[in-house]
Amino acid sequence: QVQLMESGGGSVQAGGPLRLSCAASGYAVSSVYMGWFRQAPGKEREGIASIDRFGTTLYADSVKGRFTISKDNAKNGLYLEMSSLKPEDTAMYYCAAGYIFTLRSPDYNYWGQGTQVTVSS
């Protein structure tokens, strides 16, 4: 059974860093495409970063240069290093796995429960 579990969310001051983790089980992160998404209250879910099986990355313009997606095949984990956080980054953050290299959420098959990130000014 495929399972994803996010961790690392919390409250942080604007300008600060935060690192999210996603533990995967039931499949190997090396065999699928992985992504990070976020959803703020009243807004649609937004794809912000994706990584393919070979380590190629894709970012939304809203986070490019501030966020870094990575994975550790040995630990079967996915990570999101966030820096220079802004209040508008406040959202529930989700990791997901799928079979297409994209930032479109409908293309992802498996989802975690999410972890909340709150950035205060």
Protein backbone atom coordinates (compact mmCIF):
# COMPACT_ATOMS: atom_id res chain seq x y z
CA GLN A 1 0.00 0.00 0.00
CA VAL A 2 1.41 3.38 -1.03
CA GLN A 3 1.65 5.86 1.81
CA LEU A 4 3.10 9.36 2.09
CA MET A 5 3.59 11.23 5.33
CA GLU A 6 4.72 14.83 5.56
CA SER A 7 6.49 16.40 8.52
CA GLY A 8 8.40 19.54 9.39
CA GLY A 9 5.68 22.14 9.16
CA GLY A 10 5.27 24.84 11.76
CA SER A 11 5.28 28.56 12.39
CA VAL A 12 8.15 30.74 11.25
CA GLN A 13 8.95 34.42 10.94
CA ALA A 14 9.06 35.98 7.49
CA GLY A 15 12.50 35.62 5.96
CA GLY A 16 13.23 32.44 7.84
CA PRO A 17 13.83 28.90 6.61
CA LEU A 18 11.92 25.67 7.05
CA ARG A 19 12.50 22.13 5.83
CA LEU A 20 9.68 19.76 5.01
CA SER A 21 10.08 16.02 4.76
CA CYS A 22 7.93 13.35 3.18
CA ALA A 23 8.39 9.70 4.10
CA ALA A 24 7.25 7.26 1.45
CA SER A 25 6.31 3.61 1.86
CA GLY A 26 4.88 0.98 -0.43
CA TYR A 27 6.97 2.08 -3.41
CA ALA A 28 10.39 3.51 -4.23
CA VAL A 29 10.72 7.27 -4.72
CA SER A 30 13.36 6.47 -7.32
CA SER A 31 10.70 4.92 -9.56
CA VAL A 32 8.13 7.72 -9.73
CA TYR A 33 7.78 11.45 -10.07
CA MET A 34 7.38 13.33 -6.82
CA GLY A 35 5.98 16.75 -6.11
CA TRP A 36 5.16 19.31 -3.46
CA PHE A 37 1.89 21.17 -3.49
CA ARG A 38 0.27 23.73 -1.24
CA GLN A 39 -3.20 25.00 -0.59
CA ALA A 40 -4.11 28.16 1.26
CA PRO A 41 -7.63 28.70 2.63
CA GLY A 42 -10.00 29.70 -0.13
CA LYS A 43 -7.46 29.01 -2.86
CA GLU A 44 -6.85 26.19 -5.28
CA ARG A 45 -4.13 23.65 -4.70
CA GLU A 46 -0.89 24.90 -6.28
CA GLY A 47 1.93 22.75 -7.57
CA ILE A 48 5.20 24.32 -6.46
CA ALA A 49 7.96 21.80 -7.09
CA SER A 50 8.49 18.48 -8.81
CA ILE A 51 11.40 16.09 -9.23
CA ASP A 52 11.74 13.29 -11.73
CA ARG A 53 13.41 9.91 -11.39
CA PHE A 54 16.76 11.33 -12.48
CA GLY A 55 16.75 14.39 -10.23
CA THR A 56 15.58 16.96 -12.74
CA THR A 57 13.49 19.60 -11.00
CA LEU A 58 10.63 21.87 -11.92
CA TYR A 59 9.44 24.90 -9.92
CA ALA A 60 6.55 27.29 -9.92
CA ASP A 61 7.55 30.91 -10.46
CA SER A 62 6.21 31.77 -7.01
CA VAL A 63 8.93 29.73 -5.28
CA LYS A 64 11.74 29.60 -7.83
CA GLY A 65 15.03 30.62 -6.25
CA ARG A 66 13.68 30.24 -2.70
CA PHE A 67 12.61 26.59 -2.47
CA THR A 68 14.59 23.47 -3.31
CA ILE A 69 13.12 20.02 -3.83
CA SER A 70 15.27 16.95 -3.33
CA LYS A 71 14.95 13.27 -2.60
CA ASP A 72 16.99 10.59 -0.92
CA ASN A 73 16.51 7.26 -2.65
CA ALA A 74 18.26 5.36 0.15
CA LYS A 75 15.90 6.80 2.77
CA ASN A 76 12.93 6.78 0.40
CA GLY A 77 12.26 10.37 1.31
CA LEU A 78 11.33 13.63 -0.38
CA TYR A 79 12.30 17.05 0.96
CA LEU A 80 11.52 20.70 0.46
CA GLU A 81 14.01 23.27 1.67
CA MET A 82 12.28 26.62 1.97
CA SER A 83 14.07 29.89 2.50
CA SER A 84 13.18 33.58 2.49
CA LEU A 85 9.68 32.62 3.51
CA LYS A 86 6.89 35.13 3.02
CA PRO A 87 3.48 35.43 4.67
CA GLU A 88 1.93 34.44 1.35
CA ASP A 89 3.69 31.07 1.63
CA THR A 90 1.30 30.21 4.48
CA ALA A 91 -0.61 27.09 3.44
CA MET A 92 -1.06 23.39 3.95
CA TYR A 93 1.77 21.62 2.16
CA TYR A 94 1.35 18.21 0.58
CA CYS A 95 3.70 15.75 -1.03
CA ALA A 96 2.49 13.59 -3.88
CA ALA A 97 3.66 10.84 -6.21
CA GLY A 98 2.72 10.12 -9.79
CA TYR A 99 3.83 9.00 -13.21
CA ILE A 100 4.04 12.31 -15.07
CA PHE A 101 6.58 15.09 -14.63
CA THR A 102 4.26 18.01 -14.01
CA LEU A 103 3.03 20.54 -11.47
CA ARG A 104 -0.61 19.73 -12.19
CA SER A 105 -2.22 18.12 -9.18
CA PRO A 106 -4.73 15.99 -11.15
CA ASP A 107 -1.78 14.10 -12.63
CA TYR A 108 -0.63 12.82 -9.25
CA ASN A 109 -1.94 9.53 -7.94
CA TYR A 110 -0.88 9.40 -4.30
CA TRP A 111 -1.08 12.09 -1.64
CA GLY A 112 -0.02 12.67 1.92
CA GLN A 113 -2.22 14.23 4.59
CA GLY A 114 -0.37 17.54 4.60
CA THR A 115 1.61 19.64 7.03
CA GLN A 116 0.77 23.24 7.92
CA VAL A 117 3.23 26.06 7.32
CA THR A 118 2.46 29.45 8.81
CA VAL A 119 4.66 32.46 8.07
CA SER A 120 4.17 35.56 10.19
CA SER A 121 5.28 39.04 9.27
